Each structure stands twice: as C-alpha cells, then as structure tokens.
Amino acid sequence: MATTTTGLNFKRVTKDKILGDSSSEMYFRDVYKAMGKMGKMKTRLEDGEAYALYHKVGLSRSGYEEVRTILNERHVPNPFPSLRSIRQEEKLHASRNLFRAERIQKSDGGKTKDVVVVQIVDLEKFLVEKLENLAQKDKLIFDESTGNNIWICISGDKGGGEFKLCATIGNVVAPNSAYHIVPLGMFTDDEKVEAIKEYLADTIEQLNNLIELKLNIGGVTTSYPVEHDGRVKIGSYERGRCLKARTETNYLLDSANEKNTNSVIPGSSFVFNNVRLANIVPPSLHILMGVAHRYVFKFLLDLAMDIDNKSTMKIDKSKKKAMRNAKGDMNVRDVPMEALWALRKSKVCENAKREKMRGAQRHPGTYLMNVKEKEYNGLKQHLDSFGVVLQVMSRFKTSTIIPAQSHTSPCSAEWCLFRDNEMKKAGVFKSTPLRCATCSEVNHAVCSGLWSEDDWELLSQVEPDMDCLRCCGRKGAMIEEDARKVEREMREKLEEISRVGLCLEPVSSTGKLQDVDDGSEWGRRKKGRIGEGMGRLWSRYVSVAT
C-alpha cells in the first residue's frame, strides 16, 4: 500500500512539473543527478577514468575544457569531471621522486614559524630527459649563438609569499616559454641571499657541479658543455660618472672590506660559481619600467595635476608626490590638506562647468554632499538586494527553496541561488557567468562569492581571476557565515558614510552654515559642535582658496 501511494505521489509531482507549475527542466536535472548519486545509473566518469581518457586520446588541458564547454553550452549532461580533478590525478600519479619537500621550523622575533622548502632531487637526470625529449621533437637548437654548448639561465622571483628558483633552457626558439622553464626549488620565507643559501643549499650545489651533460641524440651519446648565465638587478648608479666593467676581482676586493661596499656584503662570495660576469643579463623590463616612470610618466602626471588644478593655490613637489602615491584612492590622513583642498575645489569647478550647477564654486560642501549621497544610496540599494540573497541562502540551508519560474539556467555551484524564485527581487545581482580560475567550472558570479559592491564594480570592468567557493573549500553553512560577514562590513561602511555626510555642512562664502532641508535623509543636518567645527574648517579653506 505504501509503495502504491509513493508511486502515485511521484506521478502527481511529475505531472505538476510537466504542466508548468515549476521548472520541469530543473526537476528532471535533479532527478538525473540523484539517480547518479544513488548508484542507479552511471552519469559521470570517475576521476581516474577521466584521467585515463584524457591521456589516451591525447587531449590538452584547453582541449579537455573545450569538450566540457561544448556540452554545457548545448545543455547536454556532462559526464566529465572538472579540470581540477585531472590536475589532482596528475599530482597523484606523477613521479614522487622528482622533488623533495620538507617543513623547517624557524625562530623569528621570539616566534616560531614553519618554512616549506621544495628542492629538485636530481637536476642532471631531469635535464637529460627534458633535453633528449626536445631533441626527439627537433626543438633542440645548436647554432652560431649557442655553439656546441647547452645554455642554462638561472633566474628567481618572489611572489605570493614564496621565493622560486628556476632555470631556463636557452637552446630553443622561445627560451622564456613556460614549457622550457625548469623548476629548481622554492621556499616560503624572505628573499635574501642568506635564505637562498640556507634552504636551497642542495640545489645550489647541483648547479655548481653541473659542468657537462651526456645526451643521447639520434642514437649517439655525446658530452655537451654547460654554459651558465643569470639575471641580476642593478644595485646603484651615479649619473654622470664614468663606469667600467666590473670583474670577479672587484667583487672579491669589495667583499674583503669590513663595511658594505658597492652593495657587496662583507665576507660574501658568489652563490653560483659557474655564472661568469659576462653572462649576467640585467632584467631589461625592470630597467625600462624604472626609466620610463622616472623620466616620462612622473612629469606627465605632474603636468596633468597642474592642468586639473583650477584653484589659485599652487601644489608643490612634496604634495604632488603624496597625491601620486595615493594612486587615486586618496586618504585624508596621507595627503596634505592643502593639496586635497585644491583638488576638491578643482573638481567642484569642473562639475559646475559640466553640469551647470549654480553656486557649486561658492559651496564646495554641497558638491561633496551630493557625492556622498550618491555613494550612500548605491550601497543601500546593494544591501537591500543582498538581504534577499541571505534569505535565499537560509532556505538552501533548511532545504525549503521556492522553485524558480524563470528561464535562468542553474549553475554547478552547490547553492545555485537562481534556483529560488525570490532571487528576482535581488535586482543588483544579475545572472552573470564567471569561470573559476582553478576548476574552470562556470557559475553565476553571486554563486561564486562575489557579494560586495566593490566585487561587482570590478566585474563590470574586467573578468576577475578568482576561484569558486568549492575550490576555496567553502560549502554549506560556511557560505552563509561568509556572506553574513560581508553584510556586516557593508553595513559598517554605510554607517560611516552616513556619519561623514552629517558632518559635511554647506557653507556660504562668508563661512556661515547654511540650512539645507530637501526632505531627504541627507537634507536633515545636525548643527551641534561637530557641525560648527566643520563650518569653521570649511570657512578657513574657502577664504584661503577664494
């Protein structure tokens, strides 16, 4: 009897879905996924199966992702797991003897921190296999510039809290390609010579002992000398001074001094012994950027600042530098008040000409209030829409969502918010697609964790390189907790804007406070001690600037 009743209920619900009481596409998609999870039918390949298929048909990562994209765009059930799963399988099945990883405890200022160190185990073996593979594909080059030598360029970089040491193969058409970079080692500590020598000592020893390589090319084993070169940053330079090429002897004499001379540490020596000074290549891009900024862009920025300054107050060099360092997002505490006032007054004048706002030059406070009011209204509208998002998240948490009647296709996120009909009330949050930088899954931006006003402003300008919530390890109740935190931050920002707006009392040219009441929240101004103090402040700078 129970089975019959269940069957009837299932048929009734199915009939309701087909009749259009709610989205039948979403319903049957859920049934399809549920059948796969229950083991009633196979709907997706296992990670290992997809990994085997990936290599058997010779797919590249972009090719594999293209197959998944075509299936998704045509609304065909996708049996392939994400590209992230393929990468995890590669890590699982890759050689465990290629690199050695260890964790070292280091005392720093009375505190202990862990430093992760990774080093290549056998550099010579790795290079032999890589170079012989290049030779088999006719990509290994020996010409007039290389001679009969193998050229290895040692390079390093600091980024993301890690220092990476690598080598680049020079006997190819594009030595700077990622395919020809050999990772040598890395560690999660400061970029210092002492740290490199301490953590990557084994790698440095292997490089210093790398004199020649025996390669089997075309069935013939031949020894090839190895030429080392490297990159170095210019330490110091005096304009107008005649320079001469430095030799190993010069560096040896500088290191013998008790004081730091010519950027050489006393008692130091070359880390990579096989790199001759003639083979050291300064990083041309860094030099070009520095020269362009110092002798071109700096003057253009100062000229633009003078043109934009419509006030009678001149901005001196120190204030210009402070304003440039602010990078457009100026903080009153970082920029001199005179410079800020000149900039604000120039903006008011430009706004008066463009918008023909009567009296904007005489009442700069009114202009700033309008800016704050616009910012306040925009953030408040964003918060109202985000309140709807939080309600939908709560229903996902309790499995009480209201099926959507719209034709918005659900994404692959654990909580696709557009499956709930209430999302149509969240006008700010559109169903904008966003591809995850790690797994390459396409989710809605709001389902990927783009919640704040700044996030959506960035999304409107460029597609940000970010991970989805699943790749960030966020799921279930954690997603709602993160969203609540973002809501609190936005509410605090809204309150701060409101407080600042109440302090911006418009003043007349005589410095007296003017009554403004346009019936809005921003029109009801307070006239306590704060308002009087701001009035005196504004009158002071109005009298100076006018």
Protein backbone atom coordinates (compact mmCIF):
# COMPACT_ATOMS: atom_id res chain seq x y z
CA MET A 1 0.00 0.00 0.00
CA ALA A 2 2.83 2.35 0.92
CA THR A 3 4.61 1.58 -2.34
CA THR A 4 1.49 2.33 -4.35
CA THR A 5 0.94 5.63 -2.51
CA THR A 6 4.55 6.64 -3.09
CA GLY A 7 4.24 5.80 -6.76
CA LEU A 8 1.07 7.87 -7.08
CA ASN A 9 2.68 10.82 -5.31
CA PHE A 10 5.67 10.59 -7.64
CA LYS A 11 3.40 10.58 -10.69
CA ARG A 12 1.38 13.52 -9.35
CA VAL A 13 4.51 15.59 -8.65
CA THR A 14 5.92 14.70 -12.06
CA LYS A 15 2.66 15.72 -13.71
CA ASP A 16 2.70 19.05 -11.88
CA LYS A 17 6.23 19.70 -13.09
CA ILE A 18 5.34 18.89 -16.69
CA LEU A 19 2.23 21.09 -16.56
CA GLY A 20 4.47 24.03 -15.71
CA ASP A 21 3.73 24.63 -12.04
CA SER A 22 7.51 24.93 -11.67
CA SER A 23 10.58 24.38 -13.83
CA SER A 24 10.44 20.82 -15.19
CA GLU A 25 13.96 21.16 -16.62
CA MET A 26 15.42 21.77 -13.17
CA TYR A 27 13.31 18.98 -11.70
CA PHE A 28 14.43 16.28 -14.14
CA ARG A 29 18.00 17.51 -13.93
CA ASP A 30 17.82 16.97 -10.18
CA VAL A 31 16.33 13.50 -10.75
CA TYR A 32 19.14 12.69 -13.19
CA LYS A 33 21.81 13.77 -10.69
CA ALA A 34 20.09 11.97 -7.83
CA MET A 35 19.98 8.71 -9.83
CA GLY A 36 23.71 9.02 -10.37
CA LYS A 37 24.44 9.69 -6.70
CA MET A 38 22.23 6.76 -5.64
CA GLY A 39 24.10 4.42 -7.97
CA LYS A 40 21.01 3.59 -10.01
CA MET A 41 22.75 4.71 -13.20
CA LYS A 42 26.19 5.99 -14.17
CA THR A 43 26.05 9.68 -15.05
CA ARG A 44 29.69 10.78 -14.66
CA LEU A 45 33.13 9.33 -15.19
CA GLU A 46 35.28 8.70 -12.15
CA ASP A 47 38.32 10.96 -11.79
CA GLY A 48 40.67 8.09 -12.66
CA GLU A 49 38.60 7.12 -15.71
CA ALA A 50 38.56 10.69 -17.00
CA TYR A 51 42.32 10.94 -16.39
CA ALA A 52 42.93 7.75 -18.42
CA LEU A 53 40.70 9.04 -21.25
CA TYR A 54 42.43 12.43 -21.11
CA HIS A 55 45.83 10.83 -21.84
CA LYS A 56 44.61 8.05 -24.14
CA VAL A 57 43.12 10.46 -26.71
CA GLY A 58 45.96 12.96 -26.22
CA LEU A 59 43.86 15.88 -25.01
CA SER A 60 45.49 19.09 -23.81
CA ARG A 61 44.03 20.98 -20.88
CA SER A 62 42.46 23.53 -23.18
CA GLY A 63 41.09 20.74 -25.41
CA TYR A 64 39.59 18.91 -22.44
CA GLU A 65 37.95 22.12 -21.23
CA GLU A 66 36.64 22.82 -24.74
CA VAL A 67 34.81 19.47 -24.77
CA ARG A 68 33.18 20.26 -21.42
CA THR A 69 32.23 23.76 -22.59
CA ILE A 70 30.54 22.48 -25.77
CA LEU A 71 28.44 20.00 -23.77
CA ASN A 72 27.42 22.65 -21.23
CA GLU A 73 26.51 25.22 -23.88
CA ARG A 74 24.23 22.70 -25.61
CA HIS A 75 22.66 21.65 -22.28
CA VAL A 76 23.89 18.07 -22.64
CA PRO A 77 24.56 16.21 -19.35
CA ASN A 78 28.31 16.48 -18.86
CA PRO A 79 29.95 13.17 -17.81
CA PHE A 80 33.43 14.70 -17.47
CA PRO A 81 34.71 15.87 -14.05
CA SER A 82 36.36 19.27 -13.74
CA LEU A 83 39.86 20.06 -14.93
CA ARG A 84 40.82 20.41 -11.29
CA SER A 85 40.18 16.66 -10.87
CA ILE A 86 42.54 15.93 -13.76
CA ARG A 87 45.23 18.06 -12.12
CA GLN A 88 44.77 16.23 -8.83
CA GLU A 89 45.13 12.89 -10.61
CA GLU A 90 48.31 14.15 -12.26
CA LYS A 91 49.74 15.02 -8.86
CA LEU A 92 48.71 11.61 -7.57
CA HIS A 93 50.29 9.63 -10.41
CA ALA A 94 53.31 11.86 -11.08
CA SER A 95 56.78 10.82 -10.01
CA ARG A 96 57.19 11.23 -6.27
CA ASN A 97 60.98 11.17 -6.63
CA LEU A 98 61.26 14.33 -8.72
CA PHE A 99 61.11 16.86 -5.86
CA ARG A 100 61.75 16.66 -2.15
CA ALA A 101 59.56 18.71 0.19
CA GLU A 102 60.24 19.40 3.85
CA ARG A 103 58.98 21.68 6.59
CA ILE A 104 61.57 23.61 8.64
CA GLN A 105 60.81 25.44 11.87
CA LYS A 106 62.42 28.87 12.14
CA SER A 107 62.55 31.26 15.10
CA ASP A 108 61.69 34.82 14.13
CA GLY A 109 61.48 37.52 16.80
CA GLY A 110 60.70 35.09 19.57
CA LYS A 111 58.04 33.37 17.47
CA THR A 112 58.32 30.07 15.64
CA LYS A 113 57.11 29.75 12.08
CA ASP A 114 57.12 26.89 9.57
CA VAL A 115 59.02 27.32 6.32
CA VAL A 116 58.12 24.97 3.47
CA VAL A 117 61.12 24.07 1.30
CA VAL A 118 60.96 22.17 -2.00
CA GLN A 119 64.07 21.16 -3.98
CA ILE A 120 64.65 19.14 -7.11
CA VAL A 121 66.18 15.75 -6.28
CA ASP A 122 68.30 15.00 -9.38
CA LEU A 123 68.81 18.03 -11.61
CA GLU A 124 71.12 16.31 -14.09
CA LYS A 125 68.70 13.43 -14.70
CA PHE A 126 65.80 15.84 -15.14
CA LEU A 127 67.73 17.97 -17.67
CA VAL A 128 68.91 14.94 -19.65
CA GLU A 129 65.36 13.61 -20.04
CA LYS A 130 63.99 17.03 -20.96
CA LEU A 131 66.72 17.86 -23.48
CA GLU A 132 66.58 14.43 -25.14
CA ASN A 133 62.80 14.82 -25.44
CA LEU A 134 63.30 18.22 -27.11
CA ALA A 135 65.84 16.68 -29.49
CA GLN A 136 63.38 13.93 -30.49
CA LYS A 137 60.86 16.63 -31.42
CA ASP A 138 63.52 18.62 -33.36
CA LYS A 139 63.19 21.53 -30.94
CA LEU A 140 66.74 21.48 -29.53
CA ILE A 141 68.85 24.10 -31.34
CA PHE A 142 72.62 24.29 -31.86
CA ASP A 143 73.59 27.32 -33.98
CA GLU A 144 76.23 30.07 -34.15
CA SER A 145 75.00 31.73 -30.96
CA THR A 146 74.83 28.57 -28.84
CA GLY A 147 77.77 26.73 -30.34
CA ASN A 148 78.02 23.13 -29.16
CA ASN A 149 77.00 24.11 -25.63
CA ILE A 150 73.87 23.72 -23.54
CA TRP A 151 72.83 27.12 -22.19
CA ILE A 152 71.12 27.31 -18.79
CA CYS A 153 69.91 30.66 -17.40
CA ILE A 154 69.38 30.80 -13.63
CA SER A 155 66.57 33.06 -12.50
CA GLY A 156 64.41 33.67 -9.45
CA ASP A 157 61.36 35.58 -8.36
CA LYS A 158 59.42 36.44 -5.21
CA GLY A 159 55.64 36.45 -5.29
CA GLY A 160 52.69 35.05 -3.38
CA GLY A 161 54.77 34.71 -0.20
CA GLU A 162 57.21 32.33 -1.90
CA PHE A 163 60.66 32.58 -3.46
CA LYS A 164 61.06 30.46 -6.59
CA LEU A 165 64.38 29.47 -8.17
CA CYS A 166 64.28 28.17 -11.72
CA ALA A 167 66.42 27.60 -14.79
CA THR A 168 65.60 28.37 -18.41
CA ILE A 169 66.86 26.33 -21.36
CA GLY A 170 68.44 28.60 -23.97
CA ASN A 171 68.76 26.11 -26.86
CA VAL A 172 65.18 26.62 -28.05
CA VAL A 173 63.29 29.16 -30.15
CA ALA A 174 61.44 30.69 -27.17
CA PRO A 175 63.57 30.30 -24.02
CA ASN A 176 61.13 32.32 -21.90
CA SER A 177 58.24 29.95 -22.62
CA ALA A 178 56.76 28.12 -19.63
CA TYR A 179 57.45 24.82 -21.40
CA HIS A 180 61.21 25.42 -21.18
CA ILE A 181 61.43 26.55 -17.55
CA VAL A 182 62.93 24.06 -15.10
CA PRO A 183 61.70 24.50 -11.50
CA LEU A 184 64.68 24.09 -9.18
CA GLY A 185 63.33 24.92 -5.75
CA MET A 186 61.19 27.21 -3.63
CA PHE A 187 60.70 28.24 -0.01
CA THR A 188 58.17 30.32 1.92
CA ASP A 189 60.45 32.91 3.52
CA ASP A 190 62.06 36.27 2.77
CA GLU A 191 64.01 36.77 -0.45
CA LYS A 192 67.57 37.03 0.87
CA VAL A 193 70.86 35.58 -0.29
CA GLU A 194 71.35 34.02 3.15
CA ALA A 195 67.92 32.37 2.93
CA ILE A 196 68.63 31.03 -0.57
CA LYS A 197 71.93 29.53 0.58
CA GLU A 198 70.30 28.07 3.68
CA TYR A 199 67.17 26.50 2.22
CA LEU A 200 68.34 25.62 -1.32
CA ALA A 201 71.88 24.50 -0.49
CA ASP A 202 71.48 21.12 -2.21
CA THR A 203 70.11 22.70 -5.39
CA ILE A 204 72.93 25.27 -5.47
CA GLU A 205 75.50 22.50 -5.10
CA GLN A 206 73.97 20.58 -8.02
CA LEU A 207 74.06 23.71 -10.20
CA ASN A 208 77.68 24.47 -9.31
CA ASN A 209 78.66 20.87 -10.16
CA LEU A 210 76.79 20.93 -13.49
CA ILE A 211 79.71 21.20 -15.93
CA GLU A 212 78.54 18.97 -18.79
CA LEU A 213 75.62 16.76 -19.84
CA LYS A 214 75.73 13.47 -21.74
CA LEU A 215 72.85 13.33 -24.20
CA ASN A 216 71.74 10.52 -26.49
CA ILE A 217 70.69 12.27 -29.68
CA GLY A 218 69.99 10.19 -32.77
CA GLY A 219 71.41 7.08 -31.14
CA VAL A 220 74.75 8.76 -30.43
CA THR A 221 75.80 9.69 -26.88
CA THR A 222 77.77 12.94 -26.77
CA SER A 223 79.03 15.18 -23.97
CA TYR A 224 77.88 18.80 -24.18
CA PRO A 225 79.49 21.56 -22.06
CA VAL A 226 77.01 23.58 -20.00
CA GLU A 227 77.16 27.38 -20.09
CA HIS A 228 75.55 29.17 -17.14
CA ASP A 229 74.15 32.66 -17.26
CA GLY A 230 71.83 34.58 -14.94
CA ARG A 231 69.89 37.74 -14.12
CA VAL A 232 70.86 40.45 -11.67
CA LYS A 233 69.31 43.75 -10.57
CA ILE A 234 71.38 46.93 -10.72
CA GLY A 235 72.34 47.89 -7.15
CA SER A 236 73.48 51.51 -7.57
CA TYR A 237 74.29 54.02 -10.30
CA GLU A 238 75.56 57.62 -10.24
CA ARG A 239 74.52 59.79 -13.18
CA GLY A 240 77.42 61.45 -14.98
CA ARG A 241 80.01 59.07 -13.57
CA CYS A 242 82.17 57.06 -15.97
CA LEU A 243 81.65 53.37 -15.37
CA LYS A 244 83.80 50.42 -16.28
CA ALA A 245 83.01 46.75 -16.43
CA ARG A 246 83.44 45.08 -13.05
CA THR A 247 85.42 41.88 -12.76
CA GLU A 248 85.45 38.99 -10.30
CA THR A 249 88.46 40.65 -8.67
CA ASN A 250 86.46 43.84 -7.99
CA TYR A 251 83.78 41.88 -6.16
CA LEU A 252 86.42 39.94 -4.23
CA LEU A 253 88.05 43.20 -3.05
CA ASP A 254 84.66 44.67 -2.05
CA SER A 255 83.78 41.57 -0.03
CA ALA A 256 87.11 41.85 1.83
CA ASN A 257 86.11 45.25 3.25
CA GLU A 258 84.58 45.40 6.71
CA LYS A 259 81.80 47.72 5.53
CA ASN A 260 79.22 47.14 2.82
CA THR A 261 80.86 48.47 -0.36
CA ASN A 262 79.16 48.72 -3.77
CA SER A 263 76.24 46.60 -2.50
CA VAL A 264 78.61 43.70 -1.71
CA ILE A 265 78.17 42.08 1.72
CA PRO A 266 81.46 41.77 3.67
CA GLY A 267 82.87 38.24 3.57
CA SER A 268 80.45 37.13 0.86
CA SER A 269 81.15 35.13 -2.29
CA PHE A 270 79.34 34.17 -5.48
CA VAL A 271 76.44 31.79 -4.90
CA PHE A 272 76.51 30.30 -8.41
CA ASN A 273 80.17 29.75 -9.23
CA ASN A 274 79.68 28.78 -12.88
CA VAL A 275 77.95 32.02 -13.90
CA ARG A 276 80.56 34.30 -15.46
CA LEU A 277 80.06 38.07 -15.19
CA ALA A 278 79.99 38.29 -18.98
CA ASN A 279 76.91 36.04 -18.94
CA ILE A 280 74.91 38.09 -16.43
CA VAL A 281 71.90 39.74 -18.06
CA PRO A 282 70.23 42.69 -16.28
CA PRO A 283 66.42 42.45 -16.41
CA SER A 284 65.68 44.86 -19.26
CA LEU A 285 61.96 45.13 -18.46
CA HIS A 286 62.63 46.31 -14.90
CA ILE A 287 65.14 48.86 -16.15
CA LEU A 288 62.81 50.12 -18.90
CA MET A 289 59.90 50.49 -16.45
CA GLY A 290 62.06 52.41 -13.98
CA VAL A 291 63.46 54.78 -16.61
CA ALA A 292 60.02 55.37 -18.16
CA HIS A 293 58.47 56.17 -14.79
CA ARG A 294 61.29 58.43 -13.62
CA TYR A 295 61.84 60.43 -16.81
CA VAL A 296 58.43 60.26 -18.58
CA PHE A 297 55.35 59.38 -16.57
CA LYS A 298 56.33 61.35 -13.47
CA PHE A 299 56.45 64.60 -15.46
CA LEU A 300 53.22 63.79 -17.32
CA LEU A 301 51.40 63.11 -14.04
CA ASP A 302 52.65 66.37 -12.54
CA LEU A 303 51.63 68.27 -15.68
CA ALA A 304 48.15 66.72 -15.63
CA MET A 305 47.82 67.65 -11.96
CA ASP A 306 48.70 71.28 -12.70
CA ILE A 307 46.18 71.39 -15.56
CA ASP A 308 43.42 69.91 -13.37
CA ASN A 309 44.13 72.35 -10.56
CA LYS A 310 41.70 75.22 -11.23
CA SER A 311 42.33 76.92 -7.89
CA THR A 312 44.79 79.73 -7.24
CA MET A 313 46.73 77.55 -4.80
CA LYS A 314 49.93 76.07 -6.19
CA ILE A 315 50.74 72.44 -5.38
CA ASP A 316 54.44 72.00 -4.59
CA LYS A 317 56.54 68.90 -5.33
CA SER A 318 56.14 67.22 -1.94
CA LYS A 319 52.34 67.44 -2.13
CA LYS A 320 52.32 66.17 -5.72
CA LYS A 321 54.35 63.16 -4.65
CA ALA A 322 51.93 62.43 -1.80
CA MET A 323 48.99 62.65 -4.18
CA ARG A 324 50.67 60.36 -6.73
CA ASN A 325 51.43 57.79 -4.04
CA ALA A 326 47.76 57.79 -3.08
CA LYS A 327 47.09 56.14 -6.51
CA GLY A 328 43.69 57.71 -6.96
CA ASP A 329 42.16 56.31 -3.77
CA MET A 330 43.21 59.22 -1.57
CA ASN A 331 43.15 59.11 2.18
CA VAL A 332 42.87 62.43 4.03
CA ARG A 333 45.43 61.25 6.57
CA ASP A 334 48.03 60.52 3.89
CA VAL A 335 47.64 63.61 1.69
CA PRO A 336 48.31 67.21 2.81
CA MET A 337 45.09 69.15 3.44
CA GLU A 338 46.10 71.99 1.12
CA ALA A 339 46.63 69.56 -1.75
CA LEU A 340 43.33 67.83 -1.08
CA TRP A 341 41.50 71.14 -0.92
CA ALA A 342 43.00 72.28 -4.23
CA LEU A 343 41.96 69.01 -5.84
CA ARG A 344 38.45 69.15 -4.34
CA LYS A 345 37.99 72.75 -5.43
CA SER A 346 39.11 71.92 -8.96
CA LYS A 347 36.63 69.04 -9.09
CA VAL A 348 33.86 71.37 -7.93
CA CYS A 349 34.72 73.89 -10.64
CA GLU A 350 34.79 71.22 -13.34
CA ASN A 351 31.49 69.84 -12.12
CA ALA A 352 29.96 73.34 -12.22
CA LYS A 353 31.00 73.84 -15.84
CA ARG A 354 29.91 70.41 -16.97
CA GLU A 355 26.61 70.10 -15.12
CA LYS A 356 25.89 73.86 -14.87
CA MET A 357 25.22 73.59 -11.16
CA ARG A 358 24.60 77.08 -9.90
CA GLY A 359 26.78 78.09 -6.96
CA ALA A 360 28.99 74.96 -6.95
CA GLN A 361 32.12 77.12 -6.91
CA ARG A 362 30.88 79.07 -3.90
CA HIS A 363 29.62 76.00 -2.00
CA PRO A 364 32.06 73.07 -2.43
CA GLY A 365 30.49 71.35 0.58
CA THR A 366 27.26 70.88 -1.39
CA TYR A 367 29.14 69.03 -4.13
CA LEU A 368 30.81 66.68 -1.66
CA MET A 369 27.44 66.01 -0.03
CA ASN A 370 25.99 65.04 -3.42
CA VAL A 371 28.86 62.61 -3.95
CA LYS A 372 28.34 61.07 -0.52
CA GLU A 373 24.58 60.88 -1.05
CA LYS A 374 25.08 59.01 -4.31
CA GLU A 375 27.52 56.63 -2.63
CA TYR A 376 25.09 56.11 0.26
CA ASN A 377 22.10 55.38 -1.99
CA GLY A 378 24.10 52.97 -4.15
CA LEU A 379 25.38 51.00 -1.17
CA LYS A 380 21.93 50.93 0.44
CA GLN A 381 20.39 49.53 -2.74
CA HIS A 382 23.14 46.91 -2.87
CA LEU A 383 22.48 45.97 0.77
CA ASP A 384 18.74 45.60 0.14
CA SER A 385 19.41 43.17 -2.71
CA PHE A 386 21.98 41.31 -0.62
CA GLY A 387 19.33 40.86 2.07
CA VAL A 388 17.33 38.82 -0.47
CA VAL A 389 20.46 36.76 -1.20
CA LEU A 390 20.84 35.97 2.51
CA GLN A 391 17.19 34.89 2.71
CA VAL A 392 17.70 32.51 -0.22
CA MET A 393 20.85 31.10 1.43
CA SER A 394 18.86 30.43 4.60
CA ARG A 395 16.29 28.48 2.58
CA PHE A 396 19.05 26.43 0.95
CA LYS A 397 20.37 25.66 4.42
CA THR A 398 16.94 24.34 5.52
CA SER A 399 16.08 22.78 2.11
CA THR A 400 12.99 24.98 1.72
CA ILE A 401 13.74 26.84 -1.50
CA ILE A 402 10.93 28.17 -3.69
CA PRO A 403 11.45 26.71 -7.22
CA ALA A 404 12.20 29.44 -9.74
CA GLN A 405 9.75 30.15 -12.55
CA SER A 406 12.32 31.96 -14.68
CA HIS A 407 14.36 30.51 -17.52
CA THR A 408 17.72 31.26 -15.88
CA SER A 409 19.82 28.11 -16.21
CA PRO A 410 21.18 26.84 -12.88
CA CYS A 411 24.94 26.74 -12.48
CA SER A 412 27.11 23.98 -10.99
CA ALA A 413 27.53 25.71 -7.60
CA GLU A 414 26.42 23.80 -4.51
CA TRP A 415 23.97 26.61 -3.79
CA CYS A 416 22.81 28.00 -7.15
CA LEU A 417 20.79 30.90 -5.78
CA PHE A 418 18.86 31.39 -9.00
CA ARG A 419 17.05 28.12 -8.39
CA ASP A 420 14.99 30.09 -5.87
CA ASN A 421 12.20 32.27 -7.22
CA GLU A 422 12.95 35.08 -4.73
CA MET A 423 16.23 35.95 -6.50
CA LYS A 424 14.23 38.00 -8.99
CA LYS A 425 13.83 40.57 -6.17
CA ALA A 426 17.62 40.96 -5.86
CA GLY A 427 17.87 43.41 -8.74
CA VAL A 428 21.54 44.25 -8.22
CA PHE A 429 22.70 40.63 -8.59
CA LYS A 430 22.36 39.59 -12.23
CA SER A 431 22.90 36.06 -13.53
CA THR A 432 26.38 37.00 -14.78
CA PRO A 433 28.51 33.90 -15.59
CA LEU A 434 32.03 33.62 -14.19
CA ARG A 435 34.62 30.94 -14.91
CA CYS A 436 36.65 29.56 -11.99
CA ALA A 437 40.42 30.01 -12.42
CA THR A 438 41.13 26.60 -10.83
CA CYS A 439 38.46 24.11 -11.91
CA SER A 440 37.20 26.12 -14.94
CA GLU A 441 33.57 25.49 -13.94
CA VAL A 442 31.18 28.28 -14.97
CA ASN A 443 29.00 29.58 -12.12
CA HIS A 444 26.96 32.71 -11.55
CA ALA A 445 29.06 35.49 -10.06
CA VAL A 446 26.89 35.75 -6.94
CA CYS A 447 27.02 31.95 -6.52
CA SER A 448 30.84 32.19 -6.67
CA GLY A 449 31.08 34.57 -3.73
CA LEU A 450 31.01 37.97 -5.47
CA TRP A 451 28.81 39.78 -2.98
CA SER A 452 30.25 43.19 -2.13
CA GLU A 453 29.71 46.38 -4.11
CA ASP A 454 33.44 46.53 -4.92
CA ASP A 455 33.34 42.98 -6.34
CA TRP A 456 30.57 43.88 -8.77
CA GLU A 457 32.21 47.14 -9.76
CA LEU A 458 35.35 45.18 -10.65
CA LEU A 459 33.28 42.58 -12.52
CA SER A 460 31.72 45.32 -14.66
CA GLN A 461 35.19 46.44 -15.79
CA VAL A 462 37.14 43.19 -16.21
CA GLU A 463 36.57 39.50 -15.59
CA PRO A 464 38.43 38.87 -12.31
CA ASP A 465 40.76 35.91 -11.93
CA MET A 466 39.21 34.16 -8.94
CA ASP A 467 38.22 30.73 -7.63
CA CYS A 468 34.72 29.44 -6.99
CA LEU A 469 33.53 28.69 -3.46
CA ARG A 470 34.08 24.95 -3.92
CA CYS A 471 37.75 25.42 -4.84
CA CYS A 472 38.13 27.75 -1.84
CA GLY A 473 36.92 24.96 0.45
CA ARG A 474 33.70 26.80 1.37
CA LYS A 475 30.45 24.84 1.49
CA GLY A 476 27.16 24.59 3.35
CA ALA A 477 26.82 26.76 6.43
CA MET A 478 30.30 28.27 5.88
CA ILE A 479 28.99 30.08 2.79
CA GLU A 480 26.24 31.75 4.80
CA GLU A 481 28.71 32.71 7.55
CA ASP A 482 30.99 34.37 4.99
CA ALA A 483 28.01 36.20 3.49
CA ARG A 484 26.92 37.47 6.92
CA LYS A 485 30.42 38.83 7.48
CA VAL A 486 30.31 40.71 4.16
CA GLU A 487 26.91 42.11 5.12
CA ARG A 488 28.27 43.41 8.44
CA GLU A 489 31.19 45.09 6.67
CA MET A 490 28.86 46.80 4.19
CA ARG A 491 26.55 47.99 6.98
CA GLU A 492 29.53 49.45 8.85
CA LYS A 493 30.60 51.24 5.67
CA LEU A 494 27.04 52.56 5.23
CA GLU A 495 27.00 53.93 8.77
CA GLU A 496 30.40 55.56 8.24
CA ILE A 497 29.19 57.28 5.06
CA SER A 498 26.12 58.47 6.95
CA ARG A 499 28.24 59.94 9.76
CA VAL A 500 30.57 61.70 7.31
CA GLY A 501 27.59 63.07 5.39
CA LEU A 502 26.10 64.61 8.53
CA CYS A 503 29.39 66.44 9.13
CA LEU A 504 29.56 67.97 5.63
CA GLU A 505 27.61 71.18 6.28
CA PRO A 506 27.47 73.50 3.23
CA VAL A 507 28.80 76.98 3.90
CA SER A 508 28.48 80.33 2.23
CA SER A 509 31.42 82.39 1.02
CA THR A 510 31.40 84.14 4.41
CA GLY A 511 31.89 80.86 6.24
CA LYS A 512 28.41 80.71 7.84
CA LEU A 513 26.46 77.47 7.92
CA GLN A 514 23.54 77.27 5.52
CA ASP A 515 20.30 75.45 6.28
CA VAL A 516 19.61 72.66 3.81
CA ASP A 517 16.43 70.62 4.04
CA ASP A 518 15.35 68.99 0.82
CA GLY A 519 13.10 66.49 2.56
CA SER A 520 15.58 63.62 2.16
CA GLU A 521 17.65 61.87 4.79
CA TRP A 522 20.65 63.87 3.64
CA GLY A 523 18.72 67.13 3.96
CA ARG A 524 18.22 66.81 7.72
CA ARG A 525 21.58 68.07 9.00
CA LYS A 526 22.79 68.20 12.57
CA LYS A 527 24.04 71.52 13.98
CA GLY A 528 25.92 70.51 17.07
CA ARG A 529 29.55 71.01 17.90
CA ILE A 530 30.63 68.78 15.02
CA GLY A 531 28.73 70.88 12.50
CA GLU A 532 30.14 74.12 13.88
CA GLY A 533 33.67 72.73 13.82
CA MET A 534 33.29 71.61 10.22
CA GLY A 535 31.85 75.03 9.37
CA ARG A 536 34.92 76.76 10.75
CA LEU A 537 37.16 74.33 8.87
CA TRP A 538 35.38 74.89 5.55
CA SER A 539 35.30 78.67 6.02
CA ARG A 540 39.02 78.66 6.66
CA TYR A 541 39.82 76.97 3.35
CA VAL A 542 37.14 78.83 1.41
CA SER A 543 38.74 82.12 2.45
CA VAL A 544 42.21 80.82 1.53
CA ALA A 545 41.20 79.42 -1.86
CA THR A 546 38.99 82.32 -2.90
